[in-house]
Amino acid sequence: MQEIGERIEKDIGKFHENVKLLDESELGPKEVEIIRLAKNYCDDAQAWIEKEDFYTAFASISYAHGLLDTLLKLNSKE
């Protein structure tokens, strides 16, 4: 089960990398709120890992990535 925790830890790291791709100064208040919610889900994932509830941790970080991915797509310059 520890391998699962390590995989989720990598996902958390990738989440933090992706957050840096968004410039909050260019976003409206709703988008900033979505980033805040995504960060909360990421924090929740870390807390679930510490409790060794890897299934809930995986769900939390997946949801955080989904919120962030949506913002990245909406704000893409392409």
N, C-alpha and C. Protein backbone atom coordinates (compact mmCIF):
# COMPACT_ATOMS: atom_id res chain seq x y z
N MET A 1 0.81 -1.21 0.00
CA MET A 1 0.00 0.00 0.00
C MET A 1 0.85 1.27 0.00
N GLN A 2 2.07 1.16 0.51
CA GLN A 2 2.94 2.34 0.56
C GLN A 2 3.24 2.88 -0.83
N GLU A 3 3.29 1.97 -1.83
CA GLU A 3 3.53 2.40 -3.21
C GLU A 3 2.43 3.34 -3.68
N ILE A 4 1.22 3.06 -3.26
CA ILE A 4 0.09 3.92 -3.64
C ILE A 4 0.28 5.31 -3.03
N GLY A 5 0.68 5.35 -1.77
CA GLY A 5 0.93 6.63 -1.11
C GLY A 5 2.01 7.43 -1.81
N GLU A 6 3.06 6.75 -2.25
CA GLU A 6 4.14 7.43 -2.97
C GLU A 6 3.64 7.97 -4.30
N ARG A 7 2.79 7.24 -4.97
CA ARG A 7 2.23 7.70 -6.25
C ARG A 7 1.37 8.94 -6.03
N ILE A 8 0.59 8.94 -4.99
CA ILE A 8 -0.26 10.09 -4.69
C ILE A 8 0.60 11.29 -4.32
N GLU A 9 1.69 11.06 -3.60
CA GLU A 9 2.63 12.14 -3.27
C GLU A 9 3.17 12.78 -4.55
N LYS A 10 3.48 11.97 -5.57
CA LYS A 10 3.94 12.51 -6.85
C LYS A 10 2.84 13.35 -7.50
N ASP A 11 1.60 12.86 -7.41
CA ASP A 11 0.48 13.63 -7.96
C ASP A 11 0.32 14.97 -7.25
N ILE A 12 0.54 14.98 -5.96
CA ILE A 12 0.47 16.23 -5.19
C ILE A 12 1.56 17.19 -5.67
N GLY A 13 2.76 16.68 -5.89
CA GLY A 13 3.84 17.51 -6.41
C GLY A 13 3.51 18.08 -7.78
N LYS A 14 2.93 17.26 -8.64
CA LYS A 14 2.54 17.73 -9.98
C LYS A 14 1.46 18.81 -9.86
N PHE A 15 0.55 18.65 -8.92
CA PHE A 15 -0.49 19.66 -8.69
C PHE A 15 0.16 21.01 -8.37
N HIS A 16 1.12 21.01 -7.46
CA HIS A 16 1.80 22.26 -7.08
C HIS A 16 2.54 22.88 -8.26
N GLU A 17 3.11 22.05 -9.13
CA GLU A 17 3.76 22.57 -10.34
C GLU A 17 2.74 23.25 -11.24
N ASN A 18 1.58 22.62 -11.39
CA ASN A 18 0.54 23.16 -12.28
C ASN A 18 -0.08 24.44 -11.74
N VAL A 19 -0.17 24.57 -10.43
CA VAL A 19 -0.71 25.81 -9.84
C VAL A 19 0.15 26.99 -10.26
N LYS A 20 1.45 26.77 -10.36
CA LYS A 20 2.36 27.85 -10.73
C LYS A 20 2.15 28.33 -12.17
N LEU A 21 1.46 27.53 -12.99
CA LEU A 21 1.21 27.90 -14.38
C LEU A 21 0.11 28.95 -14.50
N LEU A 22 -0.66 29.12 -13.45
CA LEU A 22 -1.75 30.11 -13.47
C LEU A 22 -1.31 31.41 -12.81
N ASP A 23 -1.57 32.50 -13.48
CA ASP A 23 -1.27 33.82 -12.94
C ASP A 23 -2.57 34.37 -12.34
N GLU A 24 -2.67 34.31 -11.02
CA GLU A 24 -3.91 34.72 -10.36
C GLU A 24 -4.26 36.18 -10.61
N SER A 25 -3.27 37.01 -10.96
CA SER A 25 -3.56 38.41 -11.22
C SER A 25 -4.37 38.58 -12.52
N GLU A 26 -4.36 37.56 -13.37
CA GLU A 26 -5.12 37.61 -14.62
C GLU A 26 -6.49 36.95 -14.50
N LEU A 27 -6.81 36.45 -13.33
CA LEU A 27 -8.05 35.70 -13.13
C LEU A 27 -9.07 36.53 -12.37
N GLY A 28 -10.31 36.19 -12.60
CA GLY A 28 -11.39 36.84 -11.87
C GLY A 28 -11.60 36.18 -10.52
N PRO A 29 -12.48 36.74 -9.71
CA PRO A 29 -12.71 36.21 -8.36
C PRO A 29 -13.23 34.78 -8.36
N LYS A 30 -14.04 34.40 -9.33
CA LYS A 30 -14.54 33.02 -9.37
C LYS A 30 -13.42 32.03 -9.64
N GLU A 31 -12.53 32.39 -10.56
CA GLU A 31 -11.40 31.51 -10.86
C GLU A 31 -10.46 31.39 -9.66
N VAL A 32 -10.22 32.50 -8.97
CA VAL A 32 -9.37 32.47 -7.77
C VAL A 32 -10.00 31.58 -6.70
N GLU A 33 -11.31 31.62 -6.59
CA GLU A 33 -12.02 30.76 -5.64
C GLU A 33 -11.86 29.29 -6.01
N ILE A 34 -11.89 28.99 -7.30
CA ILE A 34 -11.70 27.60 -7.74
C ILE A 34 -10.29 27.12 -7.40
N ILE A 35 -9.30 27.99 -7.57
CA ILE A 35 -7.93 27.62 -7.19
C ILE A 35 -7.86 27.34 -5.69
N ARG A 36 -8.52 28.17 -4.91
CA ARG A 36 -8.53 27.96 -3.45
C ARG A 36 -9.15 26.61 -3.11
N LEU A 37 -10.25 26.28 -3.75
CA LEU A 37 -10.90 24.99 -3.51
C LEU A 37 -9.99 23.84 -3.93
N ALA A 38 -9.34 23.97 -5.07
CA ALA A 38 -8.42 22.93 -5.54
C ALA A 38 -7.28 22.72 -4.54
N LYS A 39 -6.74 23.82 -4.04
CA LYS A 39 -5.66 23.71 -3.03
C LYS A 39 -6.17 23.03 -1.76
N ASN A 40 -7.39 23.30 -1.38
CA ASN A 40 -7.97 22.64 -0.20
C ASN A 40 -8.08 21.13 -0.42
N TYR A 41 -8.52 20.73 -1.62
CA TYR A 41 -8.59 19.30 -1.93
C TYR A 41 -7.21 18.67 -1.90
N CYS A 42 -6.21 19.39 -2.38
CA CYS A 42 -4.84 18.90 -2.34
C CYS A 42 -4.38 18.72 -0.89
N ASP A 43 -4.68 19.70 -0.05
CA ASP A 43 -4.34 19.58 1.37
C ASP A 43 -5.05 18.39 2.00
N ASP A 44 -6.31 18.19 1.60
CA ASP A 44 -7.06 17.04 2.11
C ASP A 44 -6.38 15.73 1.71
N ALA A 45 -5.90 15.67 0.46
CA ALA A 45 -5.22 14.46 0.00
C ALA A 45 -4.02 14.15 0.88
N GLN A 46 -3.25 15.17 1.21
CA GLN A 46 -2.09 14.96 2.08
C GLN A 46 -2.51 14.45 3.45
N ALA A 47 -3.58 15.01 3.98
CA ALA A 47 -4.07 14.57 5.29
C ALA A 47 -4.54 13.11 5.24
N TRP A 48 -5.20 12.72 4.15
CA TRP A 48 -5.66 11.33 4.02
C TRP A 48 -4.49 10.37 3.89
N ILE A 49 -3.41 10.81 3.23
CA ILE A 49 -2.22 9.95 3.14
C ILE A 49 -1.68 9.69 4.54
N GLU A 50 -1.62 10.73 5.34
CA GLU A 50 -1.10 10.58 6.70
C GLU A 50 -1.95 9.62 7.53
N LYS A 51 -3.23 9.53 7.20
CA LYS A 51 -4.13 8.59 7.88
C LYS A 51 -4.16 7.23 7.19
N GLU A 52 -3.35 7.10 6.13
CA GLU A 52 -3.25 5.88 5.33
C GLU A 52 -4.57 5.49 4.69
N ASP A 53 -5.40 6.48 4.39
CA ASP A 53 -6.63 6.27 3.63
C ASP A 53 -6.32 6.69 2.19
N PHE A 54 -5.68 5.78 1.47
CA PHE A 54 -5.17 6.10 0.14
C PHE A 54 -6.27 6.28 -0.90
N TYR A 55 -7.38 5.58 -0.72
CA TYR A 55 -8.48 5.72 -1.67
C TYR A 55 -9.06 7.12 -1.62
N THR A 56 -9.28 7.63 -0.42
CA THR A 56 -9.82 8.98 -0.28
C THR A 56 -8.78 10.01 -0.70
N ALA A 57 -7.52 9.75 -0.40
CA ALA A 57 -6.44 10.65 -0.83
C ALA A 57 -6.40 10.75 -2.34
N PHE A 58 -6.52 9.60 -3.02
CA PHE A 58 -6.50 9.59 -4.48
C PHE A 58 -7.70 10.36 -5.04
N ALA A 59 -8.86 10.17 -4.45
CA ALA A 59 -10.05 10.89 -4.90
C ALA A 59 -9.87 12.39 -4.72
N SER A 60 -9.30 12.80 -3.60
CA SER A 60 -9.11 14.22 -3.31
C SER A 60 -8.15 14.88 -4.29
N ILE A 61 -7.01 14.22 -4.55
CA ILE A 61 -6.04 14.85 -5.45
C ILE A 61 -6.55 14.80 -6.89
N SER A 62 -7.32 13.79 -7.23
CA SER A 62 -7.90 13.73 -8.58
C SER A 62 -8.88 14.88 -8.79
N TYR A 63 -9.67 15.17 -7.79
CA TYR A 63 -10.63 16.27 -7.89
C TYR A 63 -9.89 17.60 -7.99
N ALA A 64 -8.82 17.75 -7.21
CA ALA A 64 -8.02 18.97 -7.26
C ALA A 64 -7.44 19.17 -8.66
N HIS A 65 -6.92 18.09 -9.25
CA HIS A 65 -6.38 18.18 -10.61
C HIS A 65 -7.47 18.55 -11.61
N GLY A 66 -8.65 17.99 -11.45
CA GLY A 66 -9.74 18.29 -12.37
C GLY A 66 -10.12 19.76 -12.36
N LEU A 67 -10.22 20.32 -11.16
CA LEU A 67 -10.53 21.75 -11.06
C LEU A 67 -9.44 22.59 -11.71
N LEU A 68 -8.21 22.27 -11.42
CA LEU A 68 -7.09 23.03 -11.95
C LEU A 68 -6.96 22.87 -13.47
N ASP A 69 -7.15 21.66 -13.96
CA ASP A 69 -7.07 21.42 -15.40
C ASP A 69 -8.11 22.24 -16.15
N THR A 70 -9.29 22.35 -15.59
CA THR A 70 -10.34 23.15 -16.22
C THR A 70 -9.90 24.61 -16.34
N LEU A 71 -9.35 25.16 -15.27
CA LEU A 71 -8.87 26.55 -15.33
C LEU A 71 -7.74 26.71 -16.34
N LEU A 72 -6.84 25.76 -16.38
CA LEU A 72 -5.73 25.84 -17.32
C LEU A 72 -6.23 25.82 -18.76
N LYS A 73 -7.23 25.01 -19.03
CA LYS A 73 -7.80 24.96 -20.38
C LYS A 73 -8.54 26.25 -20.72
N LEU A 74 -9.30 26.77 -19.77
CA LEU A 74 -10.06 27.99 -20.01
C LEU A 74 -9.14 29.19 -20.22
N ASN A 75 -7.98 29.19 -19.60
CA ASN A 75 -7.07 30.32 -19.66
C ASN A 75 -5.89 30.09 -20.59
N SER A 76 -5.96 29.05 -21.41
CA SER A 76 -4.89 28.75 -22.34
C SER A 76 -4.80 29.83 -23.41
N LYS A 77 -3.60 30.22 -23.73
CA LYS A 77 -3.37 31.26 -24.74
C LYS A 77 -3.38 30.69 -26.17
N GLU A 78 -3.55 29.39 -26.30
CA GLU A 78 -3.51 28.75 -27.63
C GLU A 78 -4.79 28.95 -28.38
